Amino acid sequence: MKIISGLFDTHEEARLAVAALEDAGISSDDISVVGPDGSTSGAVEGAGIGAAVGGVGGLLAGLGAFAIPGIGPVIGAGWLATALAGMAAGGLAGGLVGSLTDAGVDDKDAHIYAEGIKRGGTMVVARVDEAQVEPAEAILGQHGRVDIAERRNEYQATGWNAFDGRDDVETLDRQRRPDPIVTPPLPR
């Protein structure tokens, strides 16, 4: 089995890509979808990920919400989401990048996918037979898959080098710290 993957800027694009993969004969058991949990970015986004996952036959049963260290709350379905949920439960940082590279995704690309999800994108990953690679790649391209090299250049132009997960950890730390107690001066 080979791994094909795509990052999509919208949940609708991801939903259409998954439906087309299934129509092409790729089993829903071999397709995974991971995207941000809509509760963190508004009702419209939440409706989108629900449609991206819920509108596709076999993936609906596997829909789950969990948090990925360094990314935050996500919703996912499929074999990859199951692995990620287990890693997240164990508090393992870098779980997404590690899971993707373990599955056969290039390390540099895995960092782009993780950053893309952190920034609101939706990832589709499928395990396909050698004969399905070319048609499956074409399907992802026809439905708006992000050009990973271009996206890497965009991120690097802003000073980004690799997904490290620290931004969310630092934000959470700031949110957890109590406000300093300020005592007003005593009247004289």
N, C-alpha and C. Protein backbone atom coordinates (compact mmCIF):
# COMPACT_ATOMS: atom_id res chain seq x y z
N MET A 1 0.84 -1.18 0.00
CA MET A 1 0.00 0.00 0.00
C MET A 1 0.89 1.25 0.00
N LYS A 2 0.45 2.24 -0.73
CA LYS A 2 1.13 3.54 -0.79
C LYS A 2 0.25 4.56 -0.08
N ILE A 3 0.87 5.60 0.42
CA ILE A 3 0.15 6.69 1.07
C ILE A 3 0.08 7.87 0.11
N ILE A 4 -1.12 8.38 -0.09
CA ILE A 4 -1.29 9.64 -0.81
C ILE A 4 -1.93 10.60 0.17
N SER A 5 -1.62 11.86 0.03
CA SER A 5 -2.13 12.83 0.99
C SER A 5 -2.35 14.16 0.34
N GLY A 6 -3.22 14.94 0.96
CA GLY A 6 -3.49 16.27 0.45
C GLY A 6 -3.97 17.17 1.56
N LEU A 7 -3.56 18.41 1.49
CA LEU A 7 -4.04 19.45 2.40
C LEU A 7 -5.00 20.32 1.61
N PHE A 8 -6.13 20.61 2.21
CA PHE A 8 -7.16 21.42 1.57
C PHE A 8 -7.45 22.63 2.43
N ASP A 9 -7.63 23.77 1.78
CA ASP A 9 -7.92 25.00 2.52
C ASP A 9 -9.34 25.04 3.05
N THR A 10 -10.25 24.32 2.39
CA THR A 10 -11.64 24.31 2.86
C THR A 10 -12.09 22.89 3.14
N HIS A 11 -13.02 22.79 4.07
CA HIS A 11 -13.59 21.48 4.41
C HIS A 11 -14.40 20.92 3.24
N GLU A 12 -15.03 21.82 2.48
CA GLU A 12 -15.83 21.38 1.34
C GLU A 12 -14.94 20.69 0.30
N GLU A 13 -13.77 21.25 0.02
CA GLU A 13 -12.84 20.62 -0.92
C GLU A 13 -12.44 19.23 -0.43
N ALA A 14 -12.14 19.13 0.86
CA ALA A 14 -11.76 17.83 1.43
C ALA A 14 -12.91 16.83 1.32
N ARG A 15 -14.11 17.27 1.61
CA ARG A 15 -15.29 16.40 1.54
C ARG A 15 -15.48 15.86 0.12
N LEU A 16 -15.35 16.75 -0.85
CA LEU A 16 -15.51 16.33 -2.25
C LEU A 16 -14.40 15.37 -2.68
N ALA A 17 -13.18 15.62 -2.22
CA ALA A 17 -12.07 14.72 -2.55
C ALA A 17 -12.30 13.33 -1.96
N VAL A 18 -12.76 13.28 -0.71
CA VAL A 18 -13.01 11.98 -0.07
C VAL A 18 -14.12 11.24 -0.80
N ALA A 19 -15.19 11.94 -1.15
CA ALA A 19 -16.30 11.30 -1.88
C ALA A 19 -15.81 10.75 -3.22
N ALA A 20 -14.96 11.51 -3.91
CA ALA A 20 -14.44 11.05 -5.20
C ALA A 20 -13.50 9.85 -5.03
N LEU A 21 -12.70 9.84 -3.96
CA LEU A 21 -11.85 8.69 -3.70
C LEU A 21 -12.69 7.43 -3.48
N GLU A 22 -13.76 7.58 -2.71
CA GLU A 22 -14.65 6.44 -2.47
C GLU A 22 -15.32 5.99 -3.77
N ASP A 23 -15.75 6.97 -4.56
CA ASP A 23 -16.37 6.64 -5.86
C ASP A 23 -15.41 5.90 -6.77
N ALA A 24 -14.11 6.16 -6.61
CA ALA A 24 -13.09 5.51 -7.43
C ALA A 24 -12.73 4.12 -6.90
N GLY A 25 -13.40 3.69 -5.85
CA GLY A 25 -13.17 2.34 -5.33
C GLY A 25 -12.24 2.23 -4.16
N ILE A 26 -11.80 3.34 -3.59
CA ILE A 26 -10.94 3.29 -2.41
C ILE A 26 -11.84 3.17 -1.19
N SER A 27 -11.60 2.15 -0.40
CA SER A 27 -12.43 1.87 0.76
C SER A 27 -12.33 2.99 1.79
N SER A 28 -13.46 3.30 2.42
CA SER A 28 -13.45 4.31 3.48
C SER A 28 -12.55 3.88 4.64
N ASP A 29 -12.30 2.57 4.77
CA ASP A 29 -11.39 2.08 5.80
C ASP A 29 -9.95 2.53 5.55
N ASP A 30 -9.65 2.91 4.31
CA ASP A 30 -8.30 3.32 3.94
C ASP A 30 -8.16 4.83 3.77
N ILE A 31 -9.19 5.58 4.15
CA ILE A 31 -9.17 7.04 4.02
C ILE A 31 -9.29 7.66 5.41
N SER A 32 -8.50 8.69 5.64
CA SER A 32 -8.56 9.44 6.90
C SER A 32 -8.70 10.92 6.61
N VAL A 33 -9.39 11.60 7.51
CA VAL A 33 -9.58 13.04 7.41
C VAL A 33 -9.27 13.62 8.79
N VAL A 34 -8.46 14.69 8.83
CA VAL A 34 -8.16 15.38 10.08
C VAL A 34 -8.25 16.88 9.81
N GLY A 35 -9.02 17.58 10.62
CA GLY A 35 -9.16 19.03 10.48
C GLY A 35 -9.46 19.66 11.80
N PRO A 36 -9.41 20.97 11.86
CA PRO A 36 -9.63 21.66 13.13
C PRO A 36 -11.05 21.48 13.64
N ASP A 37 -11.18 21.42 14.94
CA ASP A 37 -12.49 21.34 15.58
C ASP A 37 -13.16 22.70 15.41
N GLY A 38 -14.35 22.70 14.85
CA GLY A 38 -15.08 23.94 14.59
C GLY A 38 -15.39 24.76 15.82
N SER A 39 -15.38 24.14 16.99
CA SER A 39 -15.71 24.90 18.20
C SER A 39 -14.66 25.96 18.49
N THR A 40 -13.48 25.84 17.88
CA THR A 40 -12.44 26.82 18.12
C THR A 40 -12.46 27.96 17.12
N SER A 41 -13.20 27.78 16.03
CA SER A 41 -13.15 28.83 15.02
C SER A 41 -14.52 29.23 14.49
N GLY A 42 -15.56 28.94 15.23
CA GLY A 42 -16.88 29.42 14.85
C GLY A 42 -17.77 28.36 14.26
N ALA A 43 -19.04 28.66 14.22
CA ALA A 43 -20.05 27.70 13.78
C ALA A 43 -19.92 27.34 12.31
N VAL A 44 -19.51 28.29 11.48
CA VAL A 44 -19.39 27.99 10.05
C VAL A 44 -18.32 26.93 9.83
N GLU A 45 -17.17 27.07 10.49
CA GLU A 45 -16.12 26.08 10.36
C GLU A 45 -16.58 24.74 10.89
N GLY A 46 -17.31 24.76 12.01
CA GLY A 46 -17.81 23.51 12.60
C GLY A 46 -18.74 22.79 11.65
N ALA A 47 -19.59 23.55 10.99
CA ALA A 47 -20.50 22.93 10.02
C ALA A 47 -19.70 22.36 8.87
N GLY A 48 -18.62 23.02 8.49
CA GLY A 48 -17.80 22.55 7.38
C GLY A 48 -17.13 21.23 7.67
N ILE A 49 -16.50 21.08 8.83
CA ILE A 49 -15.82 19.82 9.12
C ILE A 49 -16.85 18.72 9.30
N GLY A 50 -18.01 19.04 9.84
CA GLY A 50 -19.07 18.04 9.96
C GLY A 50 -19.47 17.53 8.58
N ALA A 51 -19.56 18.45 7.63
CA ALA A 51 -19.90 18.05 6.26
C ALA A 51 -18.75 17.28 5.63
N ALA A 52 -17.51 17.72 5.91
CA ALA A 52 -16.36 17.06 5.31
C ALA A 52 -16.26 15.62 5.75
N VAL A 53 -16.59 15.34 6.98
CA VAL A 53 -16.49 13.98 7.48
C VAL A 53 -17.85 13.31 7.43
N GLY A 54 -18.88 13.98 7.92
CA GLY A 54 -20.19 13.38 8.04
C GLY A 54 -20.88 13.11 6.73
N GLY A 55 -20.51 13.83 5.68
CA GLY A 55 -21.16 13.63 4.41
C GLY A 55 -20.59 12.47 3.62
N VAL A 56 -19.64 11.77 4.18
CA VAL A 56 -18.98 10.69 3.46
C VAL A 56 -19.31 9.38 4.14
N GLY A 57 -19.78 8.43 3.35
CA GLY A 57 -20.27 7.14 3.83
C GLY A 57 -19.63 6.53 5.05
N GLY A 58 -18.58 5.76 4.87
CA GLY A 58 -18.01 4.97 5.93
C GLY A 58 -17.25 5.74 6.98
N LEU A 59 -16.85 6.97 6.70
CA LEU A 59 -16.07 7.72 7.67
C LEU A 59 -16.90 8.23 8.84
N LEU A 60 -18.20 8.38 8.66
CA LEU A 60 -19.04 8.94 9.71
C LEU A 60 -18.92 8.16 11.01
N ALA A 61 -18.87 6.85 10.93
CA ALA A 61 -18.81 6.04 12.14
C ALA A 61 -17.55 6.29 12.95
N GLY A 62 -16.47 6.69 12.30
CA GLY A 62 -15.22 6.90 13.00
C GLY A 62 -14.98 8.32 13.46
N LEU A 63 -15.93 9.20 13.28
CA LEU A 63 -15.75 10.61 13.64
C LEU A 63 -15.47 10.75 15.12
N GLY A 64 -14.43 11.49 15.44
CA GLY A 64 -14.09 11.71 16.84
C GLY A 64 -13.40 13.03 17.02
N ALA A 65 -13.49 13.56 18.22
CA ALA A 65 -12.83 14.81 18.57
C ALA A 65 -11.73 14.51 19.58
N PHE A 66 -10.59 15.14 19.39
CA PHE A 66 -9.47 14.98 20.30
C PHE A 66 -8.55 16.17 20.12
N ALA A 67 -7.54 16.28 20.95
CA ALA A 67 -6.59 17.38 20.85
C ALA A 67 -5.22 16.83 20.47
N ILE A 68 -4.57 17.52 19.55
CA ILE A 68 -3.21 17.17 19.16
C ILE A 68 -2.30 18.22 19.77
N PRO A 69 -1.33 17.80 20.59
CA PRO A 69 -0.41 18.78 21.18
C PRO A 69 0.22 19.66 20.10
N GLY A 70 0.20 20.95 20.32
CA GLY A 70 0.77 21.91 19.38
C GLY A 70 -0.19 22.37 18.31
N ILE A 71 -1.33 21.69 18.17
CA ILE A 71 -2.33 22.08 17.19
C ILE A 71 -3.61 22.50 17.89
N GLY A 72 -4.02 21.70 18.84
CA GLY A 72 -5.25 22.00 19.58
C GLY A 72 -6.34 21.03 19.19
N PRO A 73 -7.59 21.42 19.44
CA PRO A 73 -8.72 20.52 19.18
C PRO A 73 -8.90 20.24 17.69
N VAL A 74 -9.08 18.98 17.36
CA VAL A 74 -9.33 18.57 15.98
C VAL A 74 -10.47 17.55 15.96
N ILE A 75 -11.01 17.38 14.78
CA ILE A 75 -11.98 16.33 14.54
C ILE A 75 -11.39 15.47 13.44
N GLY A 76 -11.48 14.17 13.60
CA GLY A 76 -10.91 13.30 12.59
C GLY A 76 -11.67 12.00 12.47
N ALA A 77 -11.42 11.33 11.37
CA ALA A 77 -12.02 10.02 11.13
C ALA A 77 -11.03 9.18 10.34
N GLY A 78 -11.10 7.88 10.53
CA GLY A 78 -10.27 6.97 9.77
C GLY A 78 -9.11 6.44 10.58
N TRP A 79 -8.29 5.62 9.91
CA TRP A 79 -7.18 4.93 10.57
C TRP A 79 -6.16 5.89 11.17
N LEU A 80 -5.84 6.97 10.49
CA LEU A 80 -4.87 7.92 11.01
C LEU A 80 -5.41 8.64 12.23
N ALA A 81 -6.68 9.03 12.18
CA ALA A 81 -7.30 9.72 13.32
C ALA A 81 -7.31 8.83 14.55
N THR A 82 -7.54 7.54 14.36
CA THR A 82 -7.53 6.61 15.48
C THR A 82 -6.15 6.57 16.13
N ALA A 83 -5.11 6.51 15.31
CA ALA A 83 -3.74 6.51 15.84
C ALA A 83 -3.43 7.82 16.55
N LEU A 84 -3.86 8.93 15.96
CA LEU A 84 -3.60 10.24 16.56
C LEU A 84 -4.32 10.41 17.89
N ALA A 85 -5.55 9.94 17.96
CA ALA A 85 -6.31 10.05 19.21
C ALA A 85 -5.60 9.28 20.31
N GLY A 86 -5.06 8.13 19.99
CA GLY A 86 -4.32 7.35 20.98
C GLY A 86 -3.06 8.06 21.43
N MET A 87 -2.35 8.67 20.49
CA MET A 87 -1.13 9.41 20.84
C MET A 87 -1.47 10.64 21.66
N ALA A 88 -2.55 11.32 21.27
CA ALA A 88 -2.95 12.53 22.00
C ALA A 88 -3.33 12.19 23.43
N ALA A 89 -4.01 11.05 23.62
CA ALA A 89 -4.40 10.63 24.95
C ALA A 89 -3.16 10.40 25.82
N GLY A 90 -2.07 9.98 25.18
CA GLY A 90 -0.83 9.78 25.91
C GLY A 90 -0.01 11.05 26.06
N GLY A 91 -0.50 12.16 25.49
CA GLY A 91 0.18 13.44 25.61
C GLY A 91 1.47 13.52 24.81
N LEU A 92 1.56 12.78 23.72
CA LEU A 92 2.79 12.78 22.93
C LEU A 92 2.80 13.93 21.94
N ALA A 93 3.68 14.89 22.15
CA ALA A 93 3.83 16.01 21.23
C ALA A 93 4.40 15.50 19.92
N GLY A 94 4.08 16.17 18.84
CA GLY A 94 4.59 15.78 17.54
C GLY A 94 3.91 14.54 17.00
N GLY A 95 2.78 14.16 17.57
CA GLY A 95 2.10 12.94 17.16
C GLY A 95 1.69 12.94 15.71
N LEU A 96 1.24 14.07 15.18
CA LEU A 96 0.80 14.12 13.80
C LEU A 96 1.99 13.96 12.85
N VAL A 97 3.04 14.71 13.08
CA VAL A 97 4.22 14.61 12.21
C VAL A 97 4.78 13.19 12.28
N GLY A 98 4.92 12.65 13.47
CA GLY A 98 5.44 11.30 13.64
C GLY A 98 4.57 10.25 12.98
N SER A 99 3.25 10.38 13.15
CA SER A 99 2.33 9.41 12.53
C SER A 99 2.41 9.48 11.01
N LEU A 100 2.50 10.68 10.47
CA LEU A 100 2.58 10.81 9.02
C LEU A 100 3.89 10.25 8.47
N THR A 101 5.00 10.55 9.13
CA THR A 101 6.28 10.02 8.64
C THR A 101 6.33 8.51 8.80
N ASP A 102 5.77 7.99 9.90
CA ASP A 102 5.70 6.53 10.07
C ASP A 102 4.89 5.88 8.96
N ALA A 103 3.87 6.59 8.47
CA ALA A 103 3.02 6.06 7.41
C ALA A 103 3.66 6.18 6.03
N GLY A 104 4.73 6.95 5.92
CA GLY A 104 5.41 7.07 4.64
C GLY A 104 5.39 8.45 4.01
N VAL A 105 4.86 9.46 4.71
CA VAL A 105 4.86 10.83 4.20
C VAL A 105 6.23 11.44 4.47
N ASP A 106 6.77 12.13 3.49
CA ASP A 106 8.05 12.82 3.64
C ASP A 106 8.01 13.73 4.86
N ASP A 107 9.10 13.74 5.63
CA ASP A 107 9.15 14.53 6.87
C ASP A 107 8.85 16.01 6.63
N LYS A 108 9.45 16.60 5.59
CA LYS A 108 9.21 18.02 5.31
C LYS A 108 7.74 18.28 5.01
N ASP A 109 7.11 17.38 4.26
CA ASP A 109 5.69 17.53 3.94
C ASP A 109 4.84 17.35 5.19
N ALA A 110 5.21 16.43 6.06
CA ALA A 110 4.45 16.20 7.29
C ALA A 110 4.40 17.47 8.13
N HIS A 111 5.48 18.23 8.16
CA HIS A 111 5.50 19.49 8.90
C HIS A 111 4.54 20.51 8.28
N ILE A 112 4.45 20.52 6.96
CA ILE A 112 3.53 21.44 6.28
C ILE A 112 2.09 21.04 6.58
N TYR A 113 1.79 19.74 6.56
CA TYR A 113 0.44 19.28 6.89
C TYR A 113 0.06 19.68 8.31
N ALA A 114 0.96 19.45 9.25
CA ALA A 114 0.66 19.80 10.65
C ALA A 114 0.42 21.29 10.79
N GLU A 115 1.27 22.09 10.19
CA GLU A 115 1.08 23.55 10.25
C GLU A 115 -0.19 23.96 9.54
N GLY A 116 -0.49 23.31 8.41
CA GLY A 116 -1.71 23.62 7.67
C GLY A 116 -2.96 23.35 8.49
N ILE A 117 -2.98 22.24 9.21
CA ILE A 117 -4.14 21.94 10.07
C ILE A 117 -4.22 22.96 11.20
N LYS A 118 -3.08 23.29 11.77
CA LYS A 118 -3.05 24.29 12.84
C LYS A 118 -3.64 25.61 12.36
N ARG A 119 -3.43 25.92 11.08
CA ARG A 119 -3.92 27.18 10.51
C ARG A 119 -5.30 27.06 9.89
N GLY A 120 -5.98 25.92 10.10
CA GLY A 120 -7.37 25.80 9.68
C GLY A 120 -7.64 24.91 8.50
N GLY A 121 -6.62 24.28 7.93
CA GLY A 121 -6.83 23.40 6.78
C GLY A 121 -7.29 22.02 7.19
N THR A 122 -7.68 21.24 6.21
CA THR A 122 -8.12 19.86 6.43
C THR A 122 -7.25 18.94 5.59
N MET A 123 -6.78 17.87 6.22
CA MET A 123 -5.91 16.91 5.55
C MET A 123 -6.68 15.64 5.22
N VAL A 124 -6.45 15.12 4.03
CA VAL A 124 -7.00 13.83 3.61
C VAL A 124 -5.81 12.93 3.32
N VAL A 125 -5.83 11.74 3.90
CA VAL A 125 -4.76 10.77 3.69
C VAL A 125 -5.42 9.45 3.32
N ALA A 126 -4.88 8.78 2.29
CA ALA A 126 -5.45 7.49 1.88
C ALA A 126 -4.34 6.48 1.65
N ARG A 127 -4.64 5.25 2.00
CA ARG A 127 -3.76 4.11 1.68
C ARG A 127 -4.33 3.48 0.41
N VAL A 128 -3.50 3.40 -0.61
CA VAL A 128 -3.99 2.88 -1.89
C VAL A 128 -3.02 1.86 -2.46
N ASP A 129 -3.54 0.96 -3.31
CA ASP A 129 -2.71 0.02 -4.04
C ASP A 129 -1.91 0.80 -5.09
N GLU A 130 -0.81 0.21 -5.52
CA GLU A 130 0.06 0.85 -6.52
C GLU A 130 -0.74 1.30 -7.75
N ALA A 131 -1.68 0.48 -8.20
CA ALA A 131 -2.48 0.81 -9.39
C ALA A 131 -3.41 1.99 -9.16
N GLN A 132 -3.70 2.32 -7.89
CA GLN A 132 -4.61 3.42 -7.57
C GLN A 132 -3.89 4.74 -7.31
N VAL A 133 -2.57 4.72 -7.22
CA VAL A 133 -1.82 5.93 -6.86
C VAL A 133 -2.10 7.07 -7.83
N GLU A 134 -1.88 6.84 -9.11
CA GLU A 134 -2.05 7.91 -10.10
C GLU A 134 -3.47 8.46 -10.14
N PRO A 135 -4.50 7.60 -10.22
CA PRO A 135 -5.86 8.13 -10.22
C PRO A 135 -6.21 8.86 -8.91
N ALA A 136 -5.74 8.33 -7.78
CA ALA A 136 -6.04 8.98 -6.50
C ALA A 136 -5.36 10.34 -6.40
N GLU A 137 -4.11 10.43 -6.86
CA GLU A 137 -3.40 11.72 -6.88
C GLU A 137 -4.15 12.72 -7.75
N ALA A 138 -4.64 12.26 -8.89
CA ALA A 138 -5.40 13.13 -9.79
C ALA A 138 -6.69 13.62 -9.12
N ILE A 139 -7.36 12.74 -8.41
CA ILE A 139 -8.59 13.13 -7.71
C ILE A 139 -8.31 14.23 -6.70
N LEU A 140 -7.25 14.06 -5.90
CA LEU A 140 -6.93 15.10 -4.91
C LEU A 140 -6.63 16.42 -5.59
N GLY A 141 -5.89 16.37 -6.70
CA GLY A 141 -5.58 17.59 -7.44
C GLY A 141 -6.79 18.26 -8.03
N GLN A 142 -7.76 17.48 -8.48
CA GLN A 142 -8.99 18.04 -9.08
C GLN A 142 -9.89 18.71 -8.05
N HIS A 143 -9.67 18.43 -6.79
CA HIS A 143 -10.56 18.96 -5.76
C HIS A 143 -9.89 20.02 -4.88
N GLY A 144 -8.81 20.60 -5.36
CA GLY A 144 -8.23 21.76 -4.67
C GLY A 144 -7.10 21.48 -3.72
N ARG A 145 -6.42 20.35 -3.88
CA ARG A 145 -5.29 20.06 -3.00
C ARG A 145 -4.26 21.18 -3.10
N VAL A 146 -3.76 21.61 -1.97
CA VAL A 146 -2.75 22.65 -1.88
C VAL A 146 -1.44 22.12 -2.46
N ASP A 147 -0.74 22.96 -3.20
CA ASP A 147 0.60 22.63 -3.67
C ASP A 147 1.54 22.77 -2.47
N ILE A 148 2.05 21.66 -1.99
CA ILE A 148 2.84 21.65 -0.76
C ILE A 148 4.12 22.48 -0.90
N ALA A 149 4.77 22.44 -2.03
CA ALA A 149 5.99 23.23 -2.23
C ALA A 149 5.69 24.72 -2.16
N GLU A 150 4.59 25.14 -2.80
CA GLU A 150 4.21 26.55 -2.74
C GLU A 150 3.85 26.96 -1.31
N ARG A 151 3.11 26.09 -0.62
CA ARG A 151 2.71 26.42 0.76
C ARG A 151 3.94 26.49 1.67
N ARG A 152 4.91 25.59 1.47
CA ARG A 152 6.15 25.64 2.24
C ARG A 152 6.83 26.99 2.03
N ASN A 153 6.91 27.44 0.76
CA ASN A 153 7.53 28.74 0.46
C ASN A 153 6.78 29.89 1.12
N GLU A 154 5.44 29.83 1.12
CA GLU A 154 4.63 30.87 1.78
C GLU A 154 4.94 30.92 3.27
N TYR A 155 4.95 29.76 3.91
CA TYR A 155 5.23 29.71 5.35
C TYR A 155 6.64 30.20 5.65
N GLN A 156 7.62 29.75 4.86
CA GLN A 156 9.00 30.14 5.11
C GLN A 156 9.22 31.63 4.88
N ALA A 157 8.46 32.23 3.99
CA ALA A 157 8.58 33.67 3.75
C ALA A 157 8.20 34.49 4.99
N THR A 158 7.45 33.88 5.89
CA THR A 158 7.06 34.57 7.13
C THR A 158 7.97 34.21 8.30
N GLY A 159 9.05 33.46 8.02
CA GLY A 159 9.99 33.08 9.07
C GLY A 159 9.76 31.69 9.65
N TRP A 160 8.75 31.00 9.18
CA TRP A 160 8.46 29.65 9.66
C TRP A 160 9.49 28.68 9.10
N ASN A 161 9.95 27.73 9.92
CA ASN A 161 10.91 26.73 9.45
C ASN A 161 10.37 25.32 9.52
N ALA A 162 9.66 25.01 10.59
CA ALA A 162 9.10 23.66 10.76
C ALA A 162 8.06 23.71 11.87
N PHE A 163 7.14 22.79 11.82
CA PHE A 163 6.14 22.69 12.87
C PHE A 163 6.83 22.22 14.14
N ASP A 164 6.67 22.99 15.21
CA ASP A 164 7.28 22.58 16.47
C ASP A 164 6.26 22.50 17.60
N GLY A 165 5.07 23.00 17.37
CA GLY A 165 4.02 22.87 18.37
C GLY A 165 4.14 23.81 19.55
N ARG A 166 5.14 24.67 19.58
CA ARG A 166 5.33 25.52 20.75
C ARG A 166 4.35 26.67 20.84
N ASP A 167 3.87 27.17 19.71
CA ASP A 167 2.98 28.33 19.77
C ASP A 167 1.76 28.07 20.63
N ASP A 168 1.09 26.93 20.41
CA ASP A 168 -0.10 26.64 21.19
C ASP A 168 0.23 26.37 22.65
N VAL A 169 1.37 25.71 22.91
CA VAL A 169 1.76 25.44 24.28
C VAL A 169 1.99 26.75 25.01
N GLU A 170 2.70 27.69 24.37
CA GLU A 170 2.95 28.98 25.01
C GLU A 170 1.65 29.74 25.23
N THR A 171 0.74 29.69 24.27
CA THR A 171 -0.55 30.36 24.42
C THR A 171 -1.33 29.75 25.57
N LEU A 172 -1.36 28.42 25.64
CA LEU A 172 -2.07 27.77 26.74
C LEU A 172 -1.45 28.12 28.08
N ASP A 173 -0.11 28.17 28.12
CA ASP A 173 0.55 28.55 29.38
C ASP A 173 0.14 29.96 29.80
N ARG A 174 0.09 30.89 28.83
CA ARG A 174 -0.32 32.26 29.17
C ARG A 174 -1.76 32.30 29.65
N GLN A 175 -2.63 31.47 29.03
CA GLN A 175 -4.02 31.46 29.43
C GLN A 175 -4.21 30.87 30.82
N ARG A 176 -3.36 29.93 31.20
CA ARG A 176 -3.50 29.28 32.50
C ARG A 176 -2.95 30.13 33.64
N ARG A 177 -1.99 31.01 33.35
CA ARG A 177 -1.40 31.83 34.40
C ARG A 177 -2.41 32.83 34.91
N PRO A 178 -2.52 32.93 36.23
CA PRO A 178 -3.45 33.93 36.76
C PRO A 178 -2.91 35.34 36.50
N ASP A 179 -3.84 36.28 36.41
CA ASP A 179 -3.42 37.67 36.27
C ASP A 179 -2.67 38.08 37.52
N PRO A 180 -1.67 38.91 37.36
CA PRO A 180 -0.94 39.35 38.55
C PRO A 180 -1.87 40.17 39.46
N ILE A 181 -1.64 40.01 40.72
CA ILE A 181 -2.44 40.78 41.69
C ILE A 181 -1.80 42.14 41.83
N VAL A 182 -2.58 43.13 41.55
CA VAL A 182 -2.10 44.50 41.65
C VAL A 182 -2.77 45.13 42.86
N THR A 183 -1.94 45.53 43.78
CA THR A 183 -2.47 46.17 44.99
C THR A 183 -2.38 47.68 44.81
N PRO A 184 -3.52 48.36 44.97
CA PRO A 184 -3.47 49.82 44.82
C PRO A 184 -2.67 50.43 45.96
N PRO A 185 -2.05 51.56 45.69
CA PRO A 185 -1.27 52.20 46.77
C PRO A 185 -2.21 52.62 47.90
N LEU A 186 -1.67 52.54 49.10
CA LEU A 186 -2.45 52.96 50.26
C LEU A 186 -2.54 54.49 50.30
N PRO A 187 -3.69 55.01 50.73
CA PRO A 187 -3.79 56.49 50.82
C PRO A 187 -2.86 57.00 51.91
N ARG A 188 -2.34 58.18 51.74
CA ARG A 188 -1.43 58.78 52.70
C ARG A 188 -2.12 59.77 53.54
